[in-house]
Amino acid sequence: MPQLYPLLMIPIFDERPWGVRDLRPVYTKVVKEPTGESWLTWEDNRVANGPLAGRSLGELSQEFGRDLVGRLACYDGRFPLLVKFLFPGDKLSVQVHPDDALAQKSGNPCGKTECWYVLRAEPGAQVALGLKAGVTLDEFRRAIEETRAEELLNWVDVFAGDMIYVAAGTVHTIGGGMVLVETQQTSDITYRLYDYGRPRELHIEDGLAATKLHTNAGKVARGVPGKHYDVLIQSPFFQVEKIKFAGALQTNTTPDTPHILVAISGAGIVEAHGMEPITFATGDAVVVPACVGEYTVRPQWELEIMRMSLPGGTVSEPETILPESASTK
């Protein structure tokens, strides 16, 4: 079996009708078809560097197990975190994701709690988190049937630098005019509740069964961020940090968790013992397996990254603030 080392992942671009053709500033290209997402650590993402080049993250997770995914992962052979860039040019459908218990009842390994870091937002950009206070599921069902469900959603203005926690069971959607970095449990279970009358399949019964009227979704309350280092969120499912480099950073994984390094500005190099250095730049993701231990990240002039990992010990849901509904655009 070959030795594990930090893995530069090839992104998967997902065309969506609500996406955009101009993927800047994350990717320096304009695409022909509207693209809504760039998936970075899904099981189908493939490795770009070293002896394992061409292999998928799913294959490697099954082959290397805990050495790659870490002791805290729910399953031996499944990479625990999915990271994406989102490029909404228009409103997404109104959705909900099940929690772990409900997902496992239907034979899925886990539910889907997620968070969104707002990398860029145009004036007036909004997301919807939950239903307005006092709205019942019966009222929401009726609004879906009457094609006016967006009126009952709790719309929230968002700004660059916001971190938003979306607990499983939260009815939600994303408006246009922003770029998000999404970190989530590795699950693709989505129940589409409402799509503004567009002719796409809905999953109303399953979605309403998964819906919780009260969750901890909202903007994450944080202290004053550090000059170069900021913990954006800690939750039972993931930890996300933002690091702006003033010089080389020497750090390490533990047997508990892999690290995912996502460049959000600039370029840098990842070095670890016994491997060729990896150069990565804005839009790239590097998976550092749990067994690697010590590694170093060096900026090339300027570099800002987000680092995702599994939380150690007992971690509560984050403290959040959920503003009252703003008027929709």
C-alpha atoms as a PDB file:
ATOM      1  CA  MET A   1       0.000   0.000   0.000  1.00  0.00           C
ATOM      2  CA  PRO A   2       1.475   3.414  -0.928  1.00  0.00           C
ATOM      3  CA  GLN A   3       2.093   5.964   1.797  1.00  0.00           C
ATOM      4  CA  LEU A   4      -0.436   8.722   2.391  1.00  0.00           C
ATOM      5  CA  TYR A   5       0.545  12.348   1.953  1.00  0.00           C
ATOM      6  CA  PRO A   6      -1.285  15.706   1.502  1.00  0.00           C
ATOM      7  CA  LEU A   7      -3.606  15.449  -1.495  1.00  0.00           C
ATOM      8  CA  LEU A   8      -4.310  18.272  -3.942  1.00  0.00           C
ATOM      9  CA  MET A   9      -7.910  17.731  -5.060  1.00  0.00           C
ATOM     10  CA  ILE A  10      -9.317  18.421  -8.534  1.00  0.00           C
ATOM     11  CA  PRO A  11     -12.565  20.404  -8.184  1.00  0.00           C
ATOM     12  CA  ILE A  12     -15.826  19.185  -9.709  1.00  0.00           C
ATOM     13  CA  PHE A  13     -17.892  21.979 -11.281  1.00  0.00           C
ATOM     14  CA  ASP A  14     -21.643  21.484 -11.062  1.00  0.00           C
ATOM     15  CA  GLU A  15     -23.920  23.210 -13.565  1.00  0.00           C
ATOM     16  CA  ARG A  16     -27.075  24.630 -11.970  1.00  0.00           C
ATOM     17  CA  PRO A  17     -29.820  26.833 -13.475  1.00  0.00           C
ATOM     18  CA  TRP A  18     -29.379  29.336 -10.629  1.00  0.00           C
ATOM     19  CA  GLY A  19     -25.596  29.565 -11.125  1.00  0.00           C
ATOM     20  CA  VAL A  20     -23.332  32.065 -12.885  1.00  0.00           C
ATOM     21  CA  ARG A  21     -20.946  32.005 -15.842  1.00  0.00           C
ATOM     22  CA  ASP A  22     -18.279  34.231 -14.273  1.00  0.00           C
ATOM     23  CA  LEU A  23     -16.578  32.340 -11.431  1.00  0.00           C
ATOM     24  CA  ARG A  24     -14.195  35.121 -10.490  1.00  0.00           C
ATOM     25  CA  PRO A  25     -12.701  35.972  -8.013  1.00  0.00           C
ATOM     26  CA  VAL A  26     -12.392  32.299  -6.983  1.00  0.00           C
ATOM     27  CA  TYR A  27     -11.550  30.898 -10.424  1.00  0.00           C
ATOM     28  CA  THR A  28     -10.062  32.974 -13.221  1.00  0.00           C
ATOM     29  CA  LYS A  29     -12.411  31.815 -15.950  1.00  0.00           C
ATOM     30  CA  VAL A  30     -15.794  32.368 -17.519  1.00  0.00           C
ATOM     31  CA  VAL A  31     -17.787  29.202 -18.338  1.00  0.00           C
ATOM     32  CA  LYS A  32     -20.384  28.548 -21.053  1.00  0.00           C
ATOM     33  CA  GLU A  33     -23.140  27.121 -18.850  1.00  0.00           C
ATOM     34  CA  PRO A  34     -24.389  28.518 -15.505  1.00  0.00           C
ATOM     35  CA  THR A  35     -22.305  26.896 -12.766  1.00  0.00           C
ATOM     36  CA  GLY A  36     -23.601  26.891  -9.216  1.00  0.00           C
ATOM     37  CA  GLU A  37     -21.077  24.889  -7.240  1.00  0.00           C
ATOM     38  CA  SER A  38     -17.482  23.721  -7.106  1.00  0.00           C
ATOM     39  CA  TRP A  39     -17.214  20.509  -5.046  1.00  0.00           C
ATOM     40  CA  LEU A  40     -13.817  20.059  -3.404  1.00  0.00           C
ATOM     41  CA  THR A  41     -13.944  16.986  -1.128  1.00  0.00           C
ATOM     42  CA  TRP A  42     -16.736  14.751  -2.417  1.00  0.00           C
ATOM     43  CA  GLU A  43     -16.098  11.019  -2.854  1.00  0.00           C
ATOM     44  CA  ASP A  44     -15.764  11.524  -6.633  1.00  0.00           C
ATOM     45  CA  ASN A  45     -13.105  14.270  -6.406  1.00  0.00           C
ATOM     46  CA  ARG A  46      -9.774  12.998  -7.720  1.00  0.00           C
ATOM     47  CA  VAL A  47      -6.197  13.584  -6.607  1.00  0.00           C
ATOM     48  CA  ALA A  48      -3.934  15.757  -8.756  1.00  0.00           C
ATOM     49  CA  ASN A  49      -0.501  15.050  -7.245  1.00  0.00           C
ATOM     50  CA  GLY A  50       1.905  12.243  -6.376  1.00  0.00           C
ATOM     51  CA  PRO A  51       1.625   8.454  -6.631  1.00  0.00           C
ATOM     52  CA  LEU A  52      -2.113   8.518  -5.865  1.00  0.00           C
ATOM     53  CA  ALA A  53      -2.919  10.937  -8.715  1.00  0.00           C
ATOM     54  CA  GLY A  54      -6.136   9.990 -10.477  1.00  0.00           C
ATOM     55  CA  ARG A  55      -7.568   8.112  -7.501  1.00  0.00           C
ATOM     56  CA  SER A  56     -10.843   9.346  -6.001  1.00  0.00           C
ATOM     57  CA  LEU A  57     -11.258  10.482  -2.406  1.00  0.00           C
ATOM     58  CA  GLY A  58     -13.953   7.845  -1.945  1.00  0.00           C
ATOM     59  CA  GLU A  59     -11.641   5.033  -3.096  1.00  0.00           C
ATOM     60  CA  LEU A  60      -8.822   6.243  -0.860  1.00  0.00           C
ATOM     61  CA  SER A  61     -11.114   6.585   2.167  1.00  0.00           C
ATOM     62  CA  GLN A  62     -12.150   2.951   1.778  1.00  0.00           C
ATOM     63  CA  GLU A  63      -8.563   1.791   1.229  1.00  0.00           C
ATOM     64  CA  PHE A  64      -6.837   3.745   4.014  1.00  0.00           C
ATOM     65  CA  GLY A  65      -9.722   4.085   6.480  1.00  0.00           C
ATOM     66  CA  ARG A  66      -8.858   5.848   9.731  1.00  0.00           C
ATOM     67  CA  ASP A  67      -5.384   6.812   8.504  1.00  0.00           C
ATOM     68  CA  LEU A  68      -7.110   9.166   6.085  1.00  0.00           C
ATOM     69  CA  VAL A  69     -10.482  10.025   7.662  1.00  0.00           C
ATOM     70  CA  GLY A  70      -9.403  10.119  11.330  1.00  0.00           C
ATOM     71  CA  ARG A  71     -10.661   8.440  14.499  1.00  0.00           C
ATOM     72  CA  LEU A  72     -13.494  10.956  14.977  1.00  0.00           C
ATOM     73  CA  ALA A  73     -15.115  10.258  11.603  1.00  0.00           C
ATOM     74  CA  CYS A  74     -18.450   8.454  11.869  1.00  0.00           C
ATOM     75  CA  TYR A  75     -17.394   5.743   9.417  1.00  0.00           C
ATOM     76  CA  ASP A  76     -14.071   4.041   8.645  1.00  0.00           C
ATOM     77  CA  GLY A  77     -14.292   4.347   4.874  1.00  0.00           C
ATOM     78  CA  ARG A  78     -16.144   7.627   4.302  1.00  0.00           C
ATOM     79  CA  PHE A  79     -14.494  11.044   4.213  1.00  0.00           C
ATOM     80  CA  PRO A  80     -16.351  13.046   6.887  1.00  0.00           C
ATOM     81  CA  LEU A  81     -16.572  16.593   5.484  1.00  0.00           C
ATOM     82  CA  LEU A  82     -17.742  17.998   2.162  1.00  0.00           C
ATOM     83  CA  VAL A  83     -16.492  21.476   1.234  1.00  0.00           C
ATOM     84  CA  LYS A  84     -17.823  23.521  -1.690  1.00  0.00           C
ATOM     85  CA  PHE A  85     -17.782  26.965  -3.227  1.00  0.00           C
ATOM     86  CA  LEU A  86     -21.304  28.201  -4.070  1.00  0.00           C
ATOM     87  CA  PHE A  87     -21.956  30.768  -6.835  1.00  0.00           C
ATOM     88  CA  PRO A  88     -25.664  31.657  -6.695  1.00  0.00           C
ATOM     89  CA  GLY A  89     -26.802  34.091  -9.360  1.00  0.00           C
ATOM     90  CA  ASP A  90     -30.482  33.570  -8.505  1.00  0.00           C
ATOM     91  CA  LYS A  91     -32.497  32.085  -5.636  1.00  0.00           C
ATOM     92  CA  LEU A  92     -32.001  28.385  -4.944  1.00  0.00           C
ATOM     93  CA  SER A  93     -35.014  26.194  -4.283  1.00  0.00           C
ATOM     94  CA  VAL A  94     -36.311  26.146  -0.702  1.00  0.00           C
ATOM     95  CA  GLN A  95     -34.831  23.055   0.939  1.00  0.00           C
ATOM     96  CA  VAL A  96     -34.434  21.120   4.158  1.00  0.00           C
ATOM     97  CA  HIS A  97     -31.989  18.384   5.178  1.00  0.00           C
ATOM     98  CA  PRO A  98     -32.673  15.599   7.721  1.00  0.00           C
ATOM     99  CA  ASP A  99     -30.715  15.166  10.946  1.00  0.00           C
ATOM    100  CA  ASP A 100     -28.624  12.045  11.616  1.00  0.00           C
ATOM    101  CA  ALA A 101     -31.420  10.069  13.288  1.00  0.00           C
ATOM    102  CA  LEU A 102     -33.924  10.603  10.483  1.00  0.00           C
ATOM    103  CA  ALA A 103     -31.347  10.003   7.742  1.00  0.00           C
ATOM    104  CA  GLN A 104     -30.263   6.725   9.306  1.00  0.00           C
ATOM    105  CA  LYS A 105     -33.871   5.522   9.452  1.00  0.00           C
ATOM    106  CA  SER A 106     -33.910   5.678   5.648  1.00  0.00           C
ATOM    107  CA  GLY A 107     -30.584   3.860   5.327  1.00  0.00           C
ATOM    108  CA  ASN A 108     -28.298   6.869   4.862  1.00  0.00           C
ATOM    109  CA  PRO A 109     -25.077   7.154   6.886  1.00  0.00           C
ATOM    110  CA  CYS A 110     -25.736  10.658   8.265  1.00  0.00           C
ATOM    111  CA  GLY A 111     -27.830  13.772   7.949  1.00  0.00           C
ATOM    112  CA  LYS A 112     -26.680  17.175   6.815  1.00  0.00           C
ATOM    113  CA  THR A 113     -25.802  20.083   9.042  1.00  0.00           C
ATOM    114  CA  GLU A 114     -23.859  22.775   7.188  1.00  0.00           C
ATOM    115  CA  CYS A 115     -22.364  26.239   7.487  1.00  0.00           C
ATOM    116  CA  TRP A 116     -21.767  29.036   4.986  1.00  0.00           C
ATOM    117  CA  TYR A 117     -18.944  31.552   5.091  1.00  0.00           C
ATOM    118  CA  VAL A 118     -19.821  34.622   3.049  1.00  0.00           C
ATOM    119  CA  LEU A 119     -16.770  35.291   0.912  1.00  0.00           C
ATOM    120  CA  ARG A 120     -18.436  38.025  -1.126  1.00  0.00           C
ATOM    121  CA  ALA A 121     -21.873  39.647  -1.050  1.00  0.00           C
ATOM    122  CA  GLU A 122     -23.475  42.304  -3.185  1.00  0.00           C
ATOM    123  CA  PRO A 123     -25.634  44.950  -1.472  1.00  0.00           C
ATOM    124  CA  GLY A 124     -28.991  43.466  -0.527  1.00  0.00           C
ATOM    125  CA  ALA A 125     -27.834  39.820  -0.590  1.00  0.00           C
ATOM    126  CA  GLN A 126     -30.051  37.555   1.524  1.00  0.00           C
ATOM    127  CA  VAL A 127     -30.494  34.018   2.749  1.00  0.00           C
ATOM    128  CA  ALA A 128     -33.595  32.494   4.341  1.00  0.00           C
ATOM    129  CA  LEU A 129     -33.286  30.590   7.620  1.00  0.00           C
ATOM    130  CA  GLY A 130     -36.397  28.911   8.961  1.00  0.00           C
ATOM    131  CA  LEU A 131     -39.993  30.105   8.919  1.00  0.00           C
ATOM    132  CA  LYS A 132     -41.245  33.380  10.301  1.00  0.00           C
ATOM    133  CA  ALA A 133     -42.213  33.277  13.970  1.00  0.00           C
ATOM    134  CA  GLY A 134     -45.590  31.658  14.535  1.00  0.00           C
ATOM    135  CA  VAL A 135     -45.889  30.000  11.114  1.00  0.00           C
ATOM    136  CA  THR A 136     -47.114  26.397  11.378  1.00  0.00           C
ATOM    137  CA  LEU A 137     -46.271  23.499   9.083  1.00  0.00           C
ATOM    138  CA  ASP A 138     -49.880  23.396   7.883  1.00  0.00           C
ATOM    139  CA  GLU A 139     -49.679  27.082   6.928  1.00  0.00           C
ATOM    140  CA  PHE A 140     -46.403  26.472   5.165  1.00  0.00           C
ATOM    141  CA  ARG A 141     -47.833  23.500   3.246  1.00  0.00           C
ATOM    142  CA  ARG A 142     -50.750  25.650   2.091  1.00  0.00           C
ATOM    143  CA  ALA A 143     -48.358  28.426   1.002  1.00  0.00           C
ATOM    144  CA  ILE A 144     -46.381  25.894  -1.054  1.00  0.00           C
ATOM    145  CA  GLU A 145     -49.580  24.802  -2.803  1.00  0.00           C
ATOM    146  CA  GLU A 146     -50.464  28.448  -3.501  1.00  0.00           C
ATOM    147  CA  THR A 147     -46.940  29.274  -4.829  1.00  0.00           C
ATOM    148  CA  ARG A 148     -46.230  31.909  -2.173  1.00  0.00           C
ATOM    149  CA  ALA A 149     -44.032  30.020   0.289  1.00  0.00           C
ATOM    150  CA  GLU A 150     -41.178  32.568   0.103  1.00  0.00           C
ATOM    151  CA  GLU A 151     -43.480  35.022   1.945  1.00  0.00           C
ATOM    152  CA  LEU A 152     -43.331  32.828   5.070  1.00  0.00           C
ATOM    153  CA  LEU A 153     -39.540  32.440   5.171  1.00  0.00           C
ATOM    154  CA  ASN A 154     -37.280  34.300   7.584  1.00  0.00           C
ATOM    155  CA  TRP A 155     -35.100  36.346   5.209  1.00  0.00           C
ATOM    156  CA  VAL A 156     -31.799  37.627   6.590  1.00  0.00           C
ATOM    157  CA  ASP A 157     -29.400  40.177   5.081  1.00  0.00           C
ATOM    158  CA  VAL A 158     -25.831  38.866   4.756  1.00  0.00           C
ATOM    159  CA  PHE A 159     -22.479  40.579   4.381  1.00  0.00           C
ATOM    160  CA  ALA A 160     -18.948  39.515   3.497  1.00  0.00           C
ATOM    161  CA  GLY A 161     -17.335  37.905   6.546  1.00  0.00           C
ATOM    162  CA  ASP A 162     -20.559  36.448   8.003  1.00  0.00           C
ATOM    163  CA  MET A 163     -20.534  32.815   9.124  1.00  0.00           C
ATOM    164  CA  ILE A 164     -23.966  31.202   9.012  1.00  0.00           C
ATOM    165  CA  TYR A 165     -24.877  27.951  10.779  1.00  0.00           C
ATOM    166  CA  VAL A 166     -27.630  25.847   9.179  1.00  0.00           C
ATOM    167  CA  ALA A 167     -28.656  23.082  11.543  1.00  0.00           C
ATOM    168  CA  ALA A 168     -30.291  19.985  10.060  1.00  0.00           C
ATOM    169  CA  GLY A 169     -34.061  20.418   9.966  1.00  0.00           C
ATOM    170  CA  THR A 170     -33.890  24.137   9.103  1.00  0.00           C
ATOM    171  CA  VAL A 171     -35.937  25.222   6.079  1.00  0.00           C
ATOM    172  CA  HIS A 172     -33.559  27.413   4.093  1.00  0.00           C
ATOM    173  CA  THR A 173     -32.532  28.894   0.803  1.00  0.00           C
ATOM    174  CA  ILE A 174     -29.867  31.184  -0.640  1.00  0.00           C
ATOM    175  CA  GLY A 175     -30.484  34.281  -2.739  1.00  0.00           C
ATOM    176  CA  GLY A 176     -28.299  35.529  -5.566  1.00  0.00           C
ATOM    177  CA  GLY A 177     -25.404  37.946  -5.542  1.00  0.00           C
ATOM    178  CA  MET A 178     -22.902  36.235  -3.272  1.00  0.00           C
ATOM    179  CA  VAL A 179     -20.082  33.681  -3.123  1.00  0.00           C
ATOM    180  CA  LEU A 180     -20.131  31.205  -0.237  1.00  0.00           C
ATOM    181  CA  VAL A 181     -17.745  28.593   1.164  1.00  0.00           C
ATOM    182  CA  GLU A 182     -19.886  25.725   2.436  1.00  0.00           C
ATOM    183  CA  THR A 183     -18.698  23.134   4.963  1.00  0.00           C
ATOM    184  CA  GLN A 184     -21.065  20.260   5.707  1.00  0.00           C
ATOM    185  CA  GLN A 185     -21.432  16.701   6.824  1.00  0.00           C
ATOM    186  CA  THR A 186     -20.720  14.409   3.890  1.00  0.00           C
ATOM    187  CA  SER A 187     -24.278  13.891   2.740  1.00  0.00           C
ATOM    188  CA  ASP A 188     -26.224  14.847  -0.372  1.00  0.00           C
ATOM    189  CA  ILE A 189     -29.741  14.351   1.041  1.00  0.00           C
ATOM    190  CA  THR A 190     -31.830  17.327   0.007  1.00  0.00           C
ATOM    191  CA  TYR A 191     -35.613  17.614   0.181  1.00  0.00           C
ATOM    192  CA  ARG A 192     -36.843  20.351  -2.157  1.00  0.00           C
ATOM    193  CA  LEU A 193     -39.936  21.933  -0.635  1.00  0.00           C
ATOM    194  CA  TYR A 194     -40.582  24.831  -2.993  1.00  0.00           C
ATOM    195  CA  ASP A 195     -39.167  26.147  -6.265  1.00  0.00           C
ATOM    196  CA  TYR A 196     -41.116  29.351  -7.082  1.00  0.00           C
ATOM    197  CA  GLY A 197     -43.329  27.499  -9.562  1.00  0.00           C
ATOM    198  CA  ARG A 198     -40.423  26.154 -11.612  1.00  0.00           C
ATOM    199  CA  PRO A 199     -41.118  22.645 -12.995  1.00  0.00           C
ATOM    200  CA  ARG A 200     -38.752  20.626 -10.822  1.00  0.00           C
ATOM    201  CA  GLU A 201     -39.577  17.691  -8.562  1.00  0.00           C
ATOM    202  CA  LEU A 202     -40.586  18.537  -5.005  1.00  0.00           C
ATOM    203  CA  HIS A 203     -40.292  16.321  -1.917  1.00  0.00           C
ATOM    204  CA  ILE A 204     -42.974  17.918   0.240  1.00  0.00           C
ATOM    205  CA  GLU A 205     -43.916  15.005   2.515  1.00  0.00           C
ATOM    206  CA  ASP A 206     -40.337  13.948   3.241  1.00  0.00           C
ATOM    207  CA  GLY A 207     -39.313  17.581   3.605  1.00  0.00           C
ATOM    208  CA  LEU A 208     -42.038  18.514   6.072  1.00  0.00           C
ATOM    209  CA  ALA A 209     -41.267  15.355   8.080  1.00  0.00           C
ATOM    210  CA  ALA A 210     -37.643  16.536   8.340  1.00  0.00           C
ATOM    211  CA  THR A 211     -38.536  20.151   9.198  1.00  0.00           C
ATOM    212  CA  LYS A 212     -37.986  21.527  12.685  1.00  0.00           C
ATOM    213  CA  LEU A 213     -39.723  24.772  13.603  1.00  0.00           C
ATOM    214  CA  HIS A 214     -36.988  25.706  16.069  1.00  0.00           C
ATOM    215  CA  THR A 215     -33.273  25.119  15.424  1.00  0.00           C
ATOM    216  CA  ASN A 216     -30.013  26.848  16.273  1.00  0.00           C
ATOM    217  CA  ALA A 217     -29.575  28.228  12.744  1.00  0.00           C
ATOM    218  CA  GLY A 218     -28.339  31.792  12.436  1.00  0.00           C
ATOM    219  CA  LYS A 219     -25.312  34.032  12.135  1.00  0.00           C
ATOM    220  CA  VAL A 220     -22.518  32.735  14.338  1.00  0.00           C
ATOM    221  CA  ALA A 221     -21.646  35.101  17.164  1.00  0.00           C
ATOM    222  CA  ARG A 222     -17.869  35.546  17.366  1.00  0.00           C
ATOM    223  CA  GLY A 223     -15.485  37.639  19.363  1.00  0.00           C
ATOM    224  CA  VAL A 224     -13.043  40.082  17.845  1.00  0.00           C
ATOM    225  CA  PRO A 225     -11.096  38.135  15.192  1.00  0.00           C
ATOM    226  CA  GLY A 226      -7.335  37.932  15.456  1.00  0.00           C
ATOM    227  CA  LYS A 227      -5.088  39.749  13.014  1.00  0.00           C
ATOM    228  CA  HIS A 228      -3.951  36.576  11.263  1.00  0.00           C
ATOM    229  CA  TYR A 229      -6.078  33.765  12.776  1.00  0.00           C
ATOM    230  CA  ASP A 230      -9.800  33.399  13.397  1.00  0.00           C
ATOM    231  CA  VAL A 231     -11.955  30.464  14.533  1.00  0.00           C
ATOM    232  CA  LEU A 232     -15.075  31.033  12.439  1.00  0.00           C
ATOM    233  CA  ILE A 233     -17.201  28.239  13.926  1.00  0.00           C
ATOM    234  CA  GLN A 234     -17.062  25.225  16.222  1.00  0.00           C
ATOM    235  CA  SER A 235     -19.937  22.756  16.184  1.00  0.00           C
ATOM    236  CA  PRO A 236     -20.463  19.042  16.921  1.00  0.00           C
ATOM    237  CA  PHE A 237     -19.882  18.335  13.214  1.00  0.00           C
ATOM    238  CA  PHE A 238     -17.036  20.581  12.059  1.00  0.00           C
ATOM    239  CA  GLN A 239     -14.585  23.292  12.978  1.00  0.00           C
ATOM    240  CA  VAL A 240     -13.703  26.023  10.501  1.00  0.00           C
ATOM    241  CA  GLU A 241     -10.815  28.462  10.872  1.00  0.00           C
ATOM    242  CA  LYS A 242      -9.548  31.314   8.702  1.00  0.00           C
ATOM    243  CA  ILE A 243      -5.809  31.995   8.575  1.00  0.00           C
ATOM    244  CA  LYS A 244      -4.055  34.901   6.882  1.00  0.00           C
ATOM    245  CA  PHE A 245      -0.351  34.213   6.584  1.00  0.00           C
ATOM    246  CA  ALA A 246       2.366  36.551   7.742  1.00  0.00           C
ATOM    247  CA  GLY A 247       4.981  33.804   7.364  1.00  0.00           C
ATOM    248  CA  ALA A 248       5.327  30.014   7.284  1.00  0.00           C
ATOM    249  CA  LEU A 249       2.943  28.093   9.559  1.00  0.00           C
ATOM    250  CA  GLN A 250       4.087  24.754  10.951  1.00  0.00           C
ATOM    251  CA  THR A 251       1.208  22.659  12.246  1.00  0.00           C
ATOM    252  CA  ASN A 252       0.073  19.054  12.416  1.00  0.00           C
ATOM    253  CA  THR A 253      -2.878  16.736  12.113  1.00  0.00           C
ATOM    254  CA  THR A 254      -3.660  14.208  14.835  1.00  0.00           C
ATOM    255  CA  PRO A 255      -4.989  10.662  14.462  1.00  0.00           C
ATOM    256  CA  ASP A 256      -8.415  12.161  15.300  1.00  0.00           C
ATOM    257  CA  THR A 257      -9.016  14.289  12.201  1.00  0.00           C
ATOM    258  CA  PRO A 258      -7.780  15.177   8.742  1.00  0.00           C
ATOM    259  CA  HIS A 259      -7.377  18.816   7.738  1.00  0.00           C
ATOM    260  CA  ILE A 260      -8.848  20.443   4.634  1.00  0.00           C
ATOM    261  CA  LEU A 261      -6.980  23.544   3.459  1.00  0.00           C
ATOM    262  CA  VAL A 262      -8.922  25.782   1.058  1.00  0.00           C
ATOM    263  CA  ALA A 263      -7.184  28.795  -0.477  1.00  0.00           C
ATOM    264  CA  ILE A 264      -9.537  31.780  -0.608  1.00  0.00           C
ATOM    265  CA  SER A 265      -6.937  34.375  -1.632  1.00  0.00           C
ATOM    266  CA  GLY A 266      -3.389  34.178  -2.976  1.00  0.00           C
ATOM    267  CA  ALA A 267      -1.135  31.160  -3.315  1.00  0.00           C
ATOM    268  CA  GLY A 268       1.120  29.016  -1.154  1.00  0.00           C
ATOM    269  CA  ILE A 269       2.994  25.759  -0.723  1.00  0.00           C
ATOM    270  CA  VAL A 270       2.211  22.747   1.488  1.00  0.00           C
ATOM    271  CA  GLU A 271       5.208  20.713   2.635  1.00  0.00           C
ATOM    272  CA  ALA A 272       5.380  17.450   4.573  1.00  0.00           C
ATOM    273  CA  HIS A 273       8.086  14.866   5.188  1.00  0.00           C
ATOM    274  CA  GLY A 274       8.751  12.524   2.279  1.00  0.00           C
ATOM    275  CA  MET A 275       6.599  14.301  -0.301  1.00  0.00           C
ATOM    276  CA  GLU A 276       7.016  16.759  -3.131  1.00  0.00           C
ATOM    277  CA  PRO A 277       5.796  20.251  -2.153  1.00  0.00           C
ATOM    278  CA  ILE A 278       2.284  21.162  -3.337  1.00  0.00           C
ATOM    279  CA  THR A 279       1.601  24.571  -4.825  1.00  0.00           C
ATOM    280  CA  PHE A 280      -2.019  25.633  -4.399  1.00  0.00           C
ATOM    281  CA  ALA A 281      -3.889  28.848  -5.161  1.00  0.00           C
ATOM    282  CA  THR A 282      -7.308  30.479  -4.811  1.00  0.00           C
ATOM    283  CA  GLY A 283     -10.047  27.894  -5.351  1.00  0.00           C
ATOM    284  CA  ASP A 284      -7.821  24.874  -4.605  1.00  0.00           C
ATOM    285  CA  ALA A 285      -8.258  22.403  -1.743  1.00  0.00           C
ATOM    286  CA  VAL A 286      -5.615  20.208  -0.115  1.00  0.00           C
ATOM    287  CA  VAL A 287      -6.649  17.250   2.069  1.00  0.00           C
ATOM    288  CA  VAL A 288      -4.060  16.477   4.754  1.00  0.00           C
ATOM    289  CA  PRO A 289      -4.739  12.904   5.979  1.00  0.00           C
ATOM    290  CA  ALA A 290      -5.076  12.319   9.708  1.00  0.00           C
ATOM    291  CA  CYS A 291      -1.911  10.186   9.791  1.00  0.00           C
ATOM    292  CA  VAL A 292       0.404  12.772   8.214  1.00  0.00           C
ATOM    293  CA  GLY A 293       1.228  14.607  11.435  1.00  0.00           C
ATOM    294  CA  GLU A 294       3.494  17.614  10.953  1.00  0.00           C
ATOM    295  CA  TYR A 295       3.202  19.770   7.849  1.00  0.00           C
ATOM    296  CA  THR A 296       4.068  23.346   6.873  1.00  0.00           C
ATOM    297  CA  VAL A 297       2.159  25.926   4.836  1.00  0.00           C
ATOM    298  CA  ARG A 298       4.228  28.713   3.281  1.00  0.00           C
ATOM    299  CA  PRO A 299       2.678  31.738   1.563  1.00  0.00           C
ATOM    300  CA  GLN A 300       3.904  32.822  -1.840  1.00  0.00           C
ATOM    301  CA  TRP A 301       3.744  36.557  -1.259  1.00  0.00           C
ATOM    302  CA  GLU A 302       0.179  36.526   0.152  1.00  0.00           C
ATOM    303  CA  LEU A 303      -2.088  33.650   1.212  1.00  0.00           C
ATOM    304  CA  GLU A 304      -5.389  33.356   3.073  1.00  0.00           C
ATOM    305  CA  ILE A 305      -6.919  29.944   3.716  1.00  0.00           C
ATOM    306  CA  MET A 306      -9.820  28.300   5.472  1.00  0.00           C
ATOM    307  CA  ARG A 307      -9.031  25.132   7.409  1.00  0.00           C
ATOM    308  CA  MET A 308     -11.751  22.568   8.135  1.00  0.00           C
ATOM    309  CA  SER A 309     -11.472  19.689  10.608  1.00  0.00           C
ATOM    310  CA  LEU A 310     -13.491  17.532  13.005  1.00  0.00           C
ATOM    311  CA  PRO A 311     -13.892  18.913  16.544  1.00  0.00           C
ATOM    312  CA  GLY A 312     -12.298  17.051  19.430  1.00  0.00           C
ATOM    313  CA  GLY A 313     -14.107  16.399  22.716  1.00  0.00           C
ATOM    314  CA  THR A 314     -17.662  17.458  23.496  1.00  0.00           C
ATOM    315  CA  VAL A 315     -18.661  20.501  21.458  1.00  0.00           C
ATOM    316  CA  SER A 316     -22.014  22.235  21.656  1.00  0.00           C
ATOM    317  CA  GLU A 317     -23.783  23.960  18.806  1.00  0.00           C
ATOM    318  CA  PRO A 318     -22.436  27.462  18.235  1.00  0.00           C
ATOM    319  CA  GLU A 319     -23.983  30.580  19.716  1.00  0.00           C
ATOM    320  CA  THR A 320     -25.994  32.207  16.931  1.00  0.00           C
ATOM    321  CA  ILE A 321     -28.001  35.336  16.245  1.00  0.00           C
ATOM    322  CA  LEU A 322     -31.082  35.111  14.033  1.00  0.00           C
ATOM    323  CA  PRO A 323     -32.297  38.564  12.991  1.00  0.00           C
ATOM    324  CA  GLU A 324     -35.991  39.124  12.388  1.00  0.00           C
ATOM    325  CA  SER A 325     -37.105  38.693   8.820  1.00  0.00           C
ATOM    326  CA  ALA A 326     -35.978  41.374   6.401  1.00  0.00           C
ATOM    327  CA  SER A 327     -38.110  42.245   3.396  1.00  0.00           C
ATOM    328  CA  THR A 328     -37.245  40.136   0.364  1.00  0.00           C
ATOM    329  CA  LYS A 329     -35.960  41.614  -2.857  1.00  0.00           C
END
